[in-house]
């Protein structure tokens, strides 16, 4: 869900912002800008992914060249992302996702050798980016939200998200338990925070007063969704019977077993 929706949502949000600021004329301009950026980004991502996977395939399967694999992967990724954004703004994100899918689905490129390092690098990036983005949010922007801000986030959690899941799962063989679990699990993350920071900067530059409150509301949404939904997801999954018994037993015997449980794939049928 996040792999598909985050690039589309981020690019669409920027197109809508440009519509509000008058940089685009009408909904046709928004649709054209969205499709152009997604199409260009995905095309460049597919080409870059094929090139990267072929280069990785030609390298010997030896742990001694892991550093070279990492350098090659990051070099092509940064070059592709920067080149796409230089040619067409906001197209680098879809390109990165498309390239990652191509490399990950080609077993000849042996992506498992890079997997651990890339995951650690991603965790490090998120750990650094969240404090940097949150540092721009002050209590002055959060305090005016009050109960109205909390109510807005609750509406997103208990009304908008379940409605979206209900519409998106129409015709799918999902039981009400799976739908309830999907409806409850919608924590917002780094992409939402980054887009909100961009919105606040551009709206303030355009002379919109109170633009910082939008950023404050987004970070309040992140705090509430990650806090409430993230902490209660394991309990809800166990209550709904969606946890594999063997994993649940292992989690109960392990120290600090508070990680999110795995959902039985067979029960989706």
Foldseek 3Di string as FASTA:
>chain_A
DCLPCLLLVLLLLVLVLCVVLVVADDPVRSVVLSVVLLVVLLVLLQVLLVVLLVVLLPDDPDLVCLVVNVCSVVVSLVVSLVVSCVVRNSNSSSSNSNSVVSNVPDCSSVCVSVVVVVVVVVVVVQVVQVVVLCVVADVVLQVVCPVVLVVVLVCCLPPVLLVVLVVVCVPFQADVLVSVLSSRQDADGDSLSVSLSVQLVVCVVSPDPSSSNSSNSSVVSNCVSCVVSVQCQQVSCVVSVQADPVVVVVLVPDPPSRHHGDGDPVNRD
